[in-house]
Amino acid sequence: MLRLVLWRLAFAAPVLIMVTIGMFALASASPFDPVRQYLGDRAMTTSPEVVAQIRANWALDRPIMEQYATWLGNLVQGDLGESRSFHRPVLDVVTERLPWTLLATGSAIVLMLAGSLLVGTLAAWRQGGALDRVITGAAFANESAPVFWLALLVVYVFSVKLGWLPAGGLTDAASTTVDPLDVARHMVLPVTVLAVSQSSWLVLYVRESVIGTLREDFVTGARARGLRERTVLIRHALRSALLPFLTLLGARIPELVTGAILVETVFSWPGVASTSVQAALAVDFPLLAVLTLLGTVAVLTGNLVADLAYRLADPRVATS
């Protein structure tokens, strides 16, 4: 397993380098001027000398390769630059907002895993029945629904119409402190939407996997020994069906990152995912570049964790 981790780390380095090169290539080809975006309406009245001075301060008047070399050197030294939209160091913005994203996405992953295993197993247990048809149909319908549409729908139902839960934010507008119970109430809708939006294929995969396992000889033997159906289902069929599920979970990490961006934006959740939207709209390249790298690291880490979990679950798997 250590060799697997070292191999993935060696593989991650060139991937991250290629991502940074791609970011600078796209930034240089972008038709949007970050200086004009920064000035806003003042761009029409600001003198060309001031615009040129801002461009020089941001090193935008230098060749693209020189900008890239300077940015990469600063990144290696721990200098992430200054956010042009927040007017603060990028490191401060990320460290302030990253814990809230980790809290929301971590809770969503736990809910997604538990819900997918439970619902998928129930559908397999009642294969062909009314419950199975309802679960399968709902999973396909949920997969076809955009994440932002689902988020707006639950806001309309549970916040606007029923008034049960807050529509967004981290705490109530009148609150002057961050109360854990208040944060938990505000987390319910975004965490649930993020978990549900990413669980459809997991539910369907668990269903098919458990159905296939229930036909295996060892399950038939377990039933012949007089074991209860619940024991056969949970301790034999579900346990054997979990191995491919771990690999599929790792493949869902990129979609989880994308879903987090949309969900945090709709619910005004103060995480780094929604911050990437603000950075993109403001053409805030220093902040957007770091957030893109964080997203890439999250995808690589998610796949590595899935492979390690697969290796722990089945030591016979060759990690090479």
C-alpha atoms as a PDB file:
ATOM      1  CA  MET A   1       0.000   0.000   0.000  1.00  0.00           C
ATOM      2  CA  LEU A   2       2.889   2.348   0.679  1.00  0.00           C
ATOM      3  CA  ARG A   3       4.190   1.665  -2.808  1.00  0.00           C
ATOM      4  CA  LEU A   4       0.753   2.499  -4.213  1.00  0.00           C
ATOM      5  CA  VAL A   5       0.687   5.806  -2.350  1.00  0.00           C
ATOM      6  CA  LEU A   6       4.209   6.731  -3.488  1.00  0.00           C
ATOM      7  CA  TRP A   7       3.362   5.808  -7.077  1.00  0.00           C
ATOM      8  CA  ARG A   8       0.225   7.967  -7.013  1.00  0.00           C
ATOM      9  CA  LEU A   9       2.132  10.892  -5.512  1.00  0.00           C
ATOM     10  CA  ALA A  10       4.718  10.629  -8.270  1.00  0.00           C
ATOM     11  CA  PHE A  11       1.894  10.534 -10.808  1.00  0.00           C
ATOM     12  CA  ALA A  12       0.115  13.519  -9.210  1.00  0.00           C
ATOM     13  CA  ALA A  13       3.071  15.883  -9.682  1.00  0.00           C
ATOM     14  CA  PRO A  14       3.007  15.962 -13.520  1.00  0.00           C
ATOM     15  CA  VAL A  15      -0.792  16.048 -13.477  1.00  0.00           C
ATOM     16  CA  LEU A  16      -0.784  19.173 -11.320  1.00  0.00           C
ATOM     17  CA  ILE A  17       1.879  20.750 -13.534  1.00  0.00           C
ATOM     18  CA  MET A  18      -0.233  20.091 -16.624  1.00  0.00           C
ATOM     19  CA  VAL A  19      -3.262  21.587 -14.893  1.00  0.00           C
ATOM     20  CA  THR A  20      -1.342  24.783 -14.094  1.00  0.00           C
ATOM     21  CA  ILE A  21      -0.110  25.037 -17.690  1.00  0.00           C
ATOM     22  CA  GLY A  22      -3.667  24.584 -18.938  1.00  0.00           C
ATOM     23  CA  MET A  23      -4.918  27.297 -16.559  1.00  0.00           C
ATOM     24  CA  PHE A  24      -2.395  29.837 -17.824  1.00  0.00           C
ATOM     25  CA  ALA A  25      -3.094  28.915 -21.436  1.00  0.00           C
ATOM     26  CA  LEU A  26      -6.815  29.479 -20.938  1.00  0.00           C
ATOM     27  CA  ALA A  27      -6.176  32.713 -19.035  1.00  0.00           C
ATOM     28  CA  SER A  28      -4.016  34.094 -21.837  1.00  0.00           C
ATOM     29  CA  ALA A  29      -6.679  33.163 -24.428  1.00  0.00           C
ATOM     30  CA  SER A  30      -9.530  34.647 -22.389  1.00  0.00           C
ATOM     31  CA  PRO A  31     -11.209  37.705 -23.940  1.00  0.00           C
ATOM     32  CA  PHE A  32     -11.938  39.172 -20.502  1.00  0.00           C
ATOM     33  CA  ASP A  33      -9.618  41.843 -19.151  1.00  0.00           C
ATOM     34  CA  PRO A  34      -9.072  41.356 -15.396  1.00  0.00           C
ATOM     35  CA  VAL A  35      -8.171  45.034 -14.955  1.00  0.00           C
ATOM     36  CA  ARG A  36     -11.400  46.263 -16.533  1.00  0.00           C
ATOM     37  CA  GLN A  37     -13.355  43.679 -14.577  1.00  0.00           C
ATOM     38  CA  TYR A  38     -11.674  44.904 -11.392  1.00  0.00           C
ATOM     39  CA  LEU A  39     -12.450  48.558 -12.139  1.00  0.00           C
ATOM     40  CA  GLY A  40     -16.050  47.892 -13.205  1.00  0.00           C
ATOM     41  CA  ASP A  41     -17.874  51.088 -14.184  1.00  0.00           C
ATOM     42  CA  ARG A  42     -14.787  53.113 -13.279  1.00  0.00           C
ATOM     43  CA  ALA A  43     -12.970  51.614 -16.277  1.00  0.00           C
ATOM     44  CA  MET A  44     -14.654  54.193 -18.537  1.00  0.00           C
ATOM     45  CA  THR A  45     -13.314  57.130 -16.542  1.00  0.00           C
ATOM     46  CA  THR A  46      -9.969  55.799 -15.319  1.00  0.00           C
ATOM     47  CA  SER A  47      -6.971  57.239 -17.134  1.00  0.00           C
ATOM     48  CA  PRO A  48      -4.860  54.922 -19.326  1.00  0.00           C
ATOM     49  CA  GLU A  49      -1.856  55.624 -17.105  1.00  0.00           C
ATOM     50  CA  VAL A  50      -3.638  54.259 -14.024  1.00  0.00           C
ATOM     51  CA  VAL A  51      -4.822  51.195 -15.978  1.00  0.00           C
ATOM     52  CA  ALA A  52      -1.279  50.585 -17.177  1.00  0.00           C
ATOM     53  CA  GLN A  53       0.034  50.933 -13.615  1.00  0.00           C
ATOM     54  CA  ILE A  54      -2.466  48.361 -12.315  1.00  0.00           C
ATOM     55  CA  ARG A  55      -1.516  46.017 -15.135  1.00  0.00           C
ATOM     56  CA  ALA A  56       2.151  46.441 -14.236  1.00  0.00           C
ATOM     57  CA  ASN A  57       1.468  45.846 -10.531  1.00  0.00           C
ATOM     58  CA  TRP A  58      -0.247  42.564 -11.408  1.00  0.00           C
ATOM     59  CA  ALA A  59       2.575  41.647 -13.826  1.00  0.00           C
ATOM     60  CA  LEU A  60       0.060  41.375 -16.670  1.00  0.00           C
ATOM     61  CA  ASP A  61       2.346  43.349 -18.964  1.00  0.00           C
ATOM     62  CA  ARG A  62       4.979  40.597 -18.893  1.00  0.00           C
ATOM     63  CA  PRO A  63       5.180  37.615 -21.271  1.00  0.00           C
ATOM     64  CA  ILE A  64       2.925  34.717 -20.318  1.00  0.00           C
ATOM     65  CA  MET A  65       5.832  32.336 -19.704  1.00  0.00           C
ATOM     66  CA  GLU A  66       7.448  34.817 -17.335  1.00  0.00           C
ATOM     67  CA  GLN A  67       4.142  35.215 -15.484  1.00  0.00           C
ATOM     68  CA  TYR A  68       3.835  31.440 -15.199  1.00  0.00           C
ATOM     69  CA  ALA A  69       7.392  30.978 -13.920  1.00  0.00           C
ATOM     70  CA  THR A  70       6.905  33.718 -11.305  1.00  0.00           C
ATOM     71  CA  TRP A  71       3.552  32.338 -10.173  1.00  0.00           C
ATOM     72  CA  LEU A  72       4.842  28.756  -9.958  1.00  0.00           C
ATOM     73  CA  GLY A  73       7.918  29.853  -8.005  1.00  0.00           C
ATOM     74  CA  ASN A  74       5.773  31.769  -5.526  1.00  0.00           C
ATOM     75  CA  LEU A  75       3.415  28.792  -5.219  1.00  0.00           C
ATOM     76  CA  VAL A  76       6.269  26.439  -4.336  1.00  0.00           C
ATOM     77  CA  GLN A  77       7.374  28.911  -1.656  1.00  0.00           C
ATOM     78  CA  GLY A  78       3.854  29.042  -0.170  1.00  0.00           C
ATOM     79  CA  ASP A  79       2.922  32.458  -1.593  1.00  0.00           C
ATOM     80  CA  LEU A  80      -0.521  32.006  -3.184  1.00  0.00           C
ATOM     81  CA  GLY A  81      -0.859  35.626  -4.193  1.00  0.00           C
ATOM     82  CA  GLU A  82      -3.482  38.283  -3.522  1.00  0.00           C
ATOM     83  CA  SER A  83      -7.159  37.864  -4.323  1.00  0.00           C
ATOM     84  CA  ARG A  84      -8.325  40.688  -6.579  1.00  0.00           C
ATOM     85  CA  SER A  85     -11.999  40.260  -5.703  1.00  0.00           C
ATOM     86  CA  PHE A  86     -11.688  39.792  -1.912  1.00  0.00           C
ATOM     87  CA  HIS A  87      -8.691  42.160  -1.572  1.00  0.00           C
ATOM     88  CA  ARG A  88      -7.067  39.683   0.798  1.00  0.00           C
ATOM     89  CA  PRO A  89      -4.321  37.065   0.536  1.00  0.00           C
ATOM     90  CA  VAL A  90      -5.553  33.955  -1.259  1.00  0.00           C
ATOM     91  CA  LEU A  91      -4.274  31.794   1.603  1.00  0.00           C
ATOM     92  CA  ASP A  92      -6.515  33.652   4.077  1.00  0.00           C
ATOM     93  CA  VAL A  93      -9.579  33.261   1.842  1.00  0.00           C
ATOM     94  CA  VAL A  94      -8.982  29.534   1.357  1.00  0.00           C
ATOM     95  CA  THR A  95      -8.217  28.728   5.005  1.00  0.00           C
ATOM     96  CA  GLU A  96     -11.295  30.652   6.123  1.00  0.00           C
ATOM     97  CA  ARG A  97     -13.709  28.918   3.737  1.00  0.00           C
ATOM     98  CA  LEU A  98     -12.219  25.450   3.256  1.00  0.00           C
ATOM     99  CA  PRO A  99     -13.425  24.041   6.620  1.00  0.00           C
ATOM    100  CA  TRP A 100     -17.051  24.836   5.732  1.00  0.00           C
ATOM    101  CA  THR A 101     -16.725  23.030   2.406  1.00  0.00           C
ATOM    102  CA  LEU A 102     -15.119  20.030   4.085  1.00  0.00           C
ATOM    103  CA  LEU A 103     -17.920  19.975   6.670  1.00  0.00           C
ATOM    104  CA  ALA A 104     -20.686  20.075   4.053  1.00  0.00           C
ATOM    105  CA  THR A 105     -19.128  17.656   1.561  1.00  0.00           C
ATOM    106  CA  GLY A 106     -17.977  15.264   4.285  1.00  0.00           C
ATOM    107  CA  SER A 107     -21.490  15.113   5.721  1.00  0.00           C
ATOM    108  CA  ALA A 108     -22.910  14.656   2.221  1.00  0.00           C
ATOM    109  CA  ILE A 109     -20.536  11.756   1.495  1.00  0.00           C
ATOM    110  CA  VAL A 110     -21.539   9.962   4.705  1.00  0.00           C
ATOM    111  CA  LEU A 111     -25.234  10.480   3.955  1.00  0.00           C
ATOM    112  CA  MET A 112     -24.734   9.463   0.309  1.00  0.00           C
ATOM    113  CA  LEU A 113     -22.947   6.231   1.250  1.00  0.00           C
ATOM    114  CA  ALA A 114     -25.436   5.193   3.927  1.00  0.00           C
ATOM    115  CA  GLY A 115     -28.465   6.098   1.843  1.00  0.00           C
ATOM    116  CA  SER A 116     -27.202   4.458  -1.349  1.00  0.00           C
ATOM    117  CA  LEU A 117     -26.360   1.185   0.396  1.00  0.00           C
ATOM    118  CA  LEU A 118     -29.680   1.068   2.229  1.00  0.00           C
ATOM    119  CA  VAL A 119     -31.922   2.034  -0.688  1.00  0.00           C
ATOM    120  CA  GLY A 120     -30.017  -0.060  -3.245  1.00  0.00           C
ATOM    121  CA  THR A 121     -30.136  -3.118  -1.006  1.00  0.00           C
ATOM    122  CA  LEU A 122     -33.879  -2.692  -0.399  1.00  0.00           C
ATOM    123  CA  ALA A 123     -34.478  -2.466  -4.151  1.00  0.00           C
ATOM    124  CA  ALA A 124     -32.475  -5.670  -4.732  1.00  0.00           C
ATOM    125  CA  TRP A 125     -34.272  -7.434  -1.891  1.00  0.00           C
ATOM    126  CA  ARG A 126     -37.650  -6.588  -3.437  1.00  0.00           C
ATOM    127  CA  GLN A 127     -36.526  -7.121  -7.040  1.00  0.00           C
ATOM    128  CA  GLY A 128     -39.426  -6.722  -9.456  1.00  0.00           C
ATOM    129  CA  GLY A 129     -41.800  -5.494  -6.762  1.00  0.00           C
ATOM    130  CA  ALA A 130     -43.458  -2.130  -6.314  1.00  0.00           C
ATOM    131  CA  LEU A 131     -40.704  -0.853  -4.005  1.00  0.00           C
ATOM    132  CA  ASP A 132     -38.029  -1.821  -6.528  1.00  0.00           C
ATOM    133  CA  ARG A 133     -39.849  -0.041  -9.365  1.00  0.00           C
ATOM    134  CA  VAL A 134     -40.334   3.101  -7.297  1.00  0.00           C
ATOM    135  CA  ILE A 135     -36.679   3.233  -6.235  1.00  0.00           C
ATOM    136  CA  THR A 136     -35.363   2.531  -9.741  1.00  0.00           C
ATOM    137  CA  GLY A 137     -37.658   5.077 -11.363  1.00  0.00           C
ATOM    138  CA  ALA A 138     -36.800   7.719  -8.767  1.00  0.00           C
ATOM    139  CA  ALA A 139     -33.071   7.078  -9.265  1.00  0.00           C
ATOM    140  CA  PHE A 140     -33.286   7.579 -13.031  1.00  0.00           C
ATOM    141  CA  ALA A 141     -35.446  10.691 -12.597  1.00  0.00           C
ATOM    142  CA  ASN A 142     -33.025  12.111 -10.027  1.00  0.00           C
ATOM    143  CA  GLU A 143     -30.034  11.475 -12.300  1.00  0.00           C
ATOM    144  CA  SER A 144     -31.674  13.459 -15.103  1.00  0.00           C
ATOM    145  CA  ALA A 145     -32.474  16.441 -12.850  1.00  0.00           C
ATOM    146  CA  PRO A 146     -29.837  19.229 -12.702  1.00  0.00           C
ATOM    147  CA  VAL A 147     -28.361  19.809  -9.265  1.00  0.00           C
ATOM    148  CA  PHE A 148     -29.271  23.491  -9.179  1.00  0.00           C
ATOM    149  CA  TRP A 149     -32.889  22.682 -10.151  1.00  0.00           C
ATOM    150  CA  LEU A 150     -33.153  20.191  -7.302  1.00  0.00           C
ATOM    151  CA  ALA A 151     -31.673  22.757  -4.911  1.00  0.00           C
ATOM    152  CA  LEU A 152     -34.144  25.455  -5.992  1.00  0.00           C
ATOM    153  CA  LEU A 153     -37.015  22.975  -5.696  1.00  0.00           C
ATOM    154  CA  VAL A 154     -36.239  22.051  -2.073  1.00  0.00           C
ATOM    155  CA  VAL A 155     -35.789  25.745  -1.210  1.00  0.00           C
ATOM    156  CA  TYR A 156     -39.229  26.482  -2.643  1.00  0.00           C
ATOM    157  CA  VAL A 157     -40.890  23.564  -0.837  1.00  0.00           C
ATOM    158  CA  PHE A 158     -39.165  23.450   2.555  1.00  0.00           C
ATOM    159  CA  SER A 159     -38.223  27.113   3.007  1.00  0.00           C
ATOM    160  CA  VAL A 160     -40.724  29.217   1.071  1.00  0.00           C
ATOM    161  CA  LYS A 161     -43.894  27.127   1.313  1.00  0.00           C
ATOM    162  CA  LEU A 162     -43.475  25.112   4.513  1.00  0.00           C
ATOM    163  CA  GLY A 163     -40.985  27.345   6.329  1.00  0.00           C
ATOM    164  CA  TRP A 164     -39.369  24.387   8.050  1.00  0.00           C
ATOM    165  CA  LEU A 165     -35.725  25.118   7.224  1.00  0.00           C
ATOM    166  CA  PRO A 166     -33.643  28.190   6.299  1.00  0.00           C
ATOM    167  CA  ALA A 167     -33.079  28.822   2.606  1.00  0.00           C
ATOM    168  CA  GLY A 168     -29.375  29.512   2.806  1.00  0.00           C
ATOM    169  CA  GLY A 169     -26.422  30.999   4.570  1.00  0.00           C
ATOM    170  CA  LEU A 170     -24.368  29.669   7.452  1.00  0.00           C
ATOM    171  CA  THR A 171     -26.419  31.221  10.273  1.00  0.00           C
ATOM    172  CA  ASP A 172     -29.451  33.459  10.635  1.00  0.00           C
ATOM    173  CA  ALA A 173     -28.992  37.010   9.403  1.00  0.00           C
ATOM    174  CA  ALA A 174     -29.556  38.443  12.890  1.00  0.00           C
ATOM    175  CA  SER A 175     -27.057  36.090  14.534  1.00  0.00           C
ATOM    176  CA  THR A 176     -23.781  37.585  15.743  1.00  0.00           C
ATOM    177  CA  THR A 177     -22.156  34.256  16.678  1.00  0.00           C
ATOM    178  CA  VAL A 178     -21.710  30.890  14.986  1.00  0.00           C
ATOM    179  CA  ASP A 179     -23.928  28.563  16.975  1.00  0.00           C
ATOM    180  CA  PRO A 180     -23.472  24.819  16.166  1.00  0.00           C
ATOM    181  CA  LEU A 181     -27.206  24.121  16.283  1.00  0.00           C
ATOM    182  CA  ASP A 182     -27.905  27.056  13.985  1.00  0.00           C
ATOM    183  CA  VAL A 183     -25.239  25.856  11.548  1.00  0.00           C
ATOM    184  CA  ALA A 184     -26.706  22.337  11.669  1.00  0.00           C
ATOM    185  CA  ARG A 185     -30.146  23.683  10.686  1.00  0.00           C
ATOM    186  CA  HIS A 186     -28.662  25.596   7.773  1.00  0.00           C
ATOM    187  CA  MET A 187     -26.724  22.489   6.687  1.00  0.00           C
ATOM    188  CA  VAL A 188     -29.746  20.219   6.305  1.00  0.00           C
ATOM    189  CA  LEU A 189     -30.884  21.339   2.865  1.00  0.00           C
ATOM    190  CA  PRO A 190     -27.501  21.784   1.110  1.00  0.00           C
ATOM    191  CA  VAL A 191     -26.078  18.533   2.508  1.00  0.00           C
ATOM    192  CA  THR A 192     -29.212  16.574   1.609  1.00  0.00           C
ATOM    193  CA  VAL A 193     -29.354  18.005  -1.915  1.00  0.00           C
ATOM    194  CA  LEU A 194     -25.672  17.300  -2.524  1.00  0.00           C
ATOM    195  CA  ALA A 195     -25.981  13.734  -1.235  1.00  0.00           C
ATOM    196  CA  VAL A 196     -29.179  12.938  -3.125  1.00  0.00           C
ATOM    197  CA  SER A 197     -27.949  14.468  -6.374  1.00  0.00           C
ATOM    198  CA  GLN A 198     -24.867  12.217  -6.411  1.00  0.00           C
ATOM    199  CA  SER A 199     -26.456   8.985  -5.178  1.00  0.00           C
ATOM    200  CA  SER A 200     -28.528   7.817  -8.174  1.00  0.00           C
ATOM    201  CA  TRP A 201     -25.894   5.711  -9.929  1.00  0.00           C
ATOM    202  CA  LEU A 202     -24.634   4.423  -6.592  1.00  0.00           C
ATOM    203  CA  VAL A 203     -28.130   3.193  -5.730  1.00  0.00           C
ATOM    204  CA  LEU A 204     -28.524   1.517  -9.124  1.00  0.00           C
ATOM    205  CA  TYR A 205     -25.071  -0.017  -8.918  1.00  0.00           C
ATOM    206  CA  VAL A 206     -25.675  -1.432  -5.444  1.00  0.00           C
ATOM    207  CA  ARG A 207     -28.997  -2.854  -6.621  1.00  0.00           C
ATOM    208  CA  GLU A 208     -27.462  -4.629  -9.626  1.00  0.00           C
ATOM    209  CA  SER A 209     -24.481  -5.813  -7.604  1.00  0.00           C
ATOM    210  CA  VAL A 210     -26.583  -7.264  -4.812  1.00  0.00           C
ATOM    211  CA  ILE A 211     -28.974  -8.924  -7.297  1.00  0.00           C
ATOM    212  CA  GLY A 212     -26.009 -10.563  -9.024  1.00  0.00           C
ATOM    213  CA  THR A 213     -24.514 -11.686  -5.720  1.00  0.00           C
ATOM    214  CA  LEU A 214     -27.813 -13.165  -4.544  1.00  0.00           C
ATOM    215  CA  ARG A 215     -27.574 -15.614  -7.454  1.00  0.00           C
ATOM    216  CA  GLU A 216     -24.131 -16.872  -6.414  1.00  0.00           C
ATOM    217  CA  ASP A 217     -23.615 -20.398  -5.080  1.00  0.00           C
ATOM    218  CA  PHE A 218     -22.324 -19.298  -1.679  1.00  0.00           C
ATOM    219  CA  VAL A 219     -25.549 -17.326  -1.080  1.00  0.00           C
ATOM    220  CA  THR A 220     -27.614 -20.347  -2.056  1.00  0.00           C
ATOM    221  CA  GLY A 221     -25.540 -22.421   0.347  1.00  0.00           C
ATOM    222  CA  ALA A 222     -26.110 -19.917   3.128  1.00  0.00           C
ATOM    223  CA  ARG A 223     -29.832 -20.125   2.600  1.00  0.00           C
ATOM    224  CA  ALA A 224     -29.651 -23.927   2.535  1.00  0.00           C
ATOM    225  CA  ARG A 225     -27.975 -23.859   5.951  1.00  0.00           C
ATOM    226  CA  GLY A 226     -31.080 -22.181   7.329  1.00  0.00           C
ATOM    227  CA  LEU A 227     -29.711 -18.678   7.822  1.00  0.00           C
ATOM    228  CA  ARG A 228     -32.246 -15.885   8.063  1.00  0.00           C
ATOM    229  CA  GLU A 229     -32.847 -13.873   4.894  1.00  0.00           C
ATOM    230  CA  ARG A 230     -31.654 -10.683   6.589  1.00  0.00           C
ATOM    231  CA  THR A 231     -28.374 -12.360   7.555  1.00  0.00           C
ATOM    232  CA  VAL A 232     -27.899 -13.706   4.027  1.00  0.00           C
ATOM    233  CA  LEU A 233     -28.615 -10.294   2.549  1.00  0.00           C
ATOM    234  CA  ILE A 234     -26.399  -8.175   4.814  1.00  0.00           C
ATOM    235  CA  ARG A 235     -23.528 -10.459   5.825  1.00  0.00           C
ATOM    236  CA  HIS A 236     -23.129 -12.342   2.552  1.00  0.00           C
ATOM    237  CA  ALA A 237     -24.657 -10.619  -0.480  1.00  0.00           C
ATOM    238  CA  LEU A 238     -24.092  -6.968   0.476  1.00  0.00           C
ATOM    239  CA  ARG A 239     -20.587  -7.565   1.801  1.00  0.00           C
ATOM    240  CA  SER A 240     -19.474  -9.174  -1.472  1.00  0.00           C
ATOM    241  CA  ALA A 241     -21.152  -6.458  -3.546  1.00  0.00           C
ATOM    242  CA  LEU A 242     -19.283  -3.659  -1.762  1.00  0.00           C
ATOM    243  CA  LEU A 243     -15.935  -4.131  -3.517  1.00  0.00           C
ATOM    244  CA  PRO A 244     -16.902  -2.733  -6.956  1.00  0.00           C
ATOM    245  CA  PHE A 245     -18.919  -0.060  -5.142  1.00  0.00           C
ATOM    246  CA  LEU A 246     -15.710   1.403  -3.675  1.00  0.00           C
ATOM    247  CA  THR A 247     -14.214   1.885  -7.143  1.00  0.00           C
ATOM    248  CA  LEU A 248     -17.390   3.544  -8.405  1.00  0.00           C
ATOM    249  CA  LEU A 249     -17.342   5.878  -5.421  1.00  0.00           C
ATOM    250  CA  GLY A 250     -13.876   7.115  -6.371  1.00  0.00           C
ATOM    251  CA  ALA A 251     -15.115   7.853  -9.898  1.00  0.00           C
ATOM    252  CA  ARG A 252     -17.901  10.053  -8.481  1.00  0.00           C
ATOM    253  CA  ILE A 253     -15.519  12.512  -6.800  1.00  0.00           C
ATOM    254  CA  PRO A 254     -15.286  14.879  -9.833  1.00  0.00           C
ATOM    255  CA  GLU A 255     -19.075  15.109  -9.991  1.00  0.00           C
ATOM    256  CA  LEU A 256     -19.178  15.680  -6.240  1.00  0.00           C
ATOM    257  CA  VAL A 257     -16.824  18.660  -6.652  1.00  0.00           C
ATOM    258  CA  THR A 258     -19.004  20.071  -9.448  1.00  0.00           C
ATOM    259  CA  GLY A 259     -22.154  19.495  -7.419  1.00  0.00           C
ATOM    260  CA  ALA A 260     -20.630  21.237  -4.413  1.00  0.00           C
ATOM    261  CA  ILE A 261     -19.991  24.349  -6.521  1.00  0.00           C
ATOM    262  CA  LEU A 262     -23.631  24.553  -7.605  1.00  0.00           C
ATOM    263  CA  VAL A 263     -25.111  23.662  -4.222  1.00  0.00           C
ATOM    264  CA  GLU A 264     -22.948  26.116  -2.290  1.00  0.00           C
ATOM    265  CA  THR A 265     -23.860  28.854  -4.770  1.00  0.00           C
ATOM    266  CA  VAL A 266     -27.610  28.253  -4.528  1.00  0.00           C
ATOM    267  CA  PHE A 267     -27.605  28.029  -0.724  1.00  0.00           C
ATOM    268  CA  SER A 268     -25.057  30.840  -0.197  1.00  0.00           C
ATOM    269  CA  TRP A 269     -22.847  28.438   1.736  1.00  0.00           C
ATOM    270  CA  PRO A 270     -19.536  30.211   2.538  1.00  0.00           C
ATOM    271  CA  GLY A 271     -17.214  27.494   1.215  1.00  0.00           C
ATOM    272  CA  VAL A 272     -14.424  27.419  -1.341  1.00  0.00           C
ATOM    273  CA  ALA A 273     -16.703  25.819  -3.949  1.00  0.00           C
ATOM    274  CA  SER A 274     -19.018  28.829  -4.197  1.00  0.00           C
ATOM    275  CA  THR A 275     -15.973  31.098  -3.974  1.00  0.00           C
ATOM    276  CA  SER A 276     -14.756  29.684  -7.299  1.00  0.00           C
ATOM    277  CA  VAL A 277     -17.879  31.103  -8.961  1.00  0.00           C
ATOM    278  CA  GLN A 278     -17.182  34.538  -7.496  1.00  0.00           C
ATOM    279  CA  ALA A 279     -13.554  34.311  -8.594  1.00  0.00           C
ATOM    280  CA  ALA A 280     -14.562  33.334 -12.140  1.00  0.00           C
ATOM    281  CA  LEU A 281     -17.080  36.182 -12.444  1.00  0.00           C
ATOM    282  CA  ALA A 282     -14.500  38.670 -11.172  1.00  0.00           C
ATOM    283  CA  VAL A 283     -11.700  37.194 -13.364  1.00  0.00           C
ATOM    284  CA  ASP A 284      -9.759  36.753 -10.132  1.00  0.00           C
ATOM    285  CA  PHE A 285      -7.069  34.478 -11.548  1.00  0.00           C
ATOM    286  CA  PRO A 286      -4.855  34.107  -8.420  1.00  0.00           C
ATOM    287  CA  LEU A 287      -7.809  32.808  -6.391  1.00  0.00           C
ATOM    288  CA  LEU A 288      -9.316  30.786  -9.234  1.00  0.00           C
ATOM    289  CA  ALA A 289      -5.983  29.075  -9.956  1.00  0.00           C
ATOM    290  CA  VAL A 290      -5.560  27.912  -6.357  1.00  0.00           C
ATOM    291  CA  LEU A 291      -9.173  26.699  -6.178  1.00  0.00           C
ATOM    292  CA  THR A 292      -8.706  24.758  -9.420  1.00  0.00           C
ATOM    293  CA  LEU A 293      -5.630  23.082  -7.985  1.00  0.00           C
ATOM    294  CA  LEU A 294      -7.576  22.235  -4.825  1.00  0.00           C
ATOM    295  CA  GLY A 295     -10.271  20.620  -6.939  1.00  0.00           C
ATOM    296  CA  THR A 296      -7.669  18.575  -8.796  1.00  0.00           C
ATOM    297  CA  VAL A 297      -6.086  17.476  -5.525  1.00  0.00           C
ATOM    298  CA  ALA A 298      -9.537  16.461  -4.226  1.00  0.00           C
ATOM    299  CA  VAL A 299     -10.138  14.273  -7.286  1.00  0.00           C
ATOM    300  CA  LEU A 300      -6.714  12.609  -7.041  1.00  0.00           C
ATOM    301  CA  THR A 301      -7.093  12.074  -3.302  1.00  0.00           C
ATOM    302  CA  GLY A 302     -10.581  10.623  -3.702  1.00  0.00           C
ATOM    303  CA  ASN A 303      -9.398   8.074  -6.247  1.00  0.00           C
ATOM    304  CA  LEU A 304      -6.428   7.146  -4.069  1.00  0.00           C
ATOM    305  CA  VAL A 305      -8.636   6.652  -0.997  1.00  0.00           C
ATOM    306  CA  ALA A 306     -11.027   4.489  -3.049  1.00  0.00           C
ATOM    307  CA  ASP A 307      -8.156   2.284  -4.237  1.00  0.00           C
ATOM    308  CA  LEU A 308      -6.748   1.961  -0.717  1.00  0.00           C
ATOM    309  CA  ALA A 309     -10.193   1.052   0.632  1.00  0.00           C
ATOM    310  CA  TYR A 310     -10.536  -1.586  -2.102  1.00  0.00           C
ATOM    311  CA  ARG A 311      -7.130  -2.971  -1.139  1.00  0.00           C
ATOM    312  CA  LEU A 312      -8.083  -3.129   2.536  1.00  0.00           C
ATOM    313  CA  ALA A 313     -11.404  -4.783   1.764  1.00  0.00           C
ATOM    314  CA  ASP A 314      -9.799  -7.423  -0.472  1.00  0.00           C
ATOM    315  CA  PRO A 315      -6.052  -8.018   0.181  1.00  0.00           C
ATOM    316  CA  ARG A 316      -5.932 -10.292  -2.881  1.00  0.00           C
ATOM    317  CA  VAL A 317      -6.131  -7.237  -5.164  1.00  0.00           C
ATOM    318  CA  ALA A 318      -2.752  -6.379  -6.653  1.00  0.00           C
ATOM    319  CA  THR A 319      -1.900  -2.762  -5.925  1.00  0.00           C
ATOM    320  CA  SER A 320       0.516  -2.508  -8.833  1.00  0.00           C
END
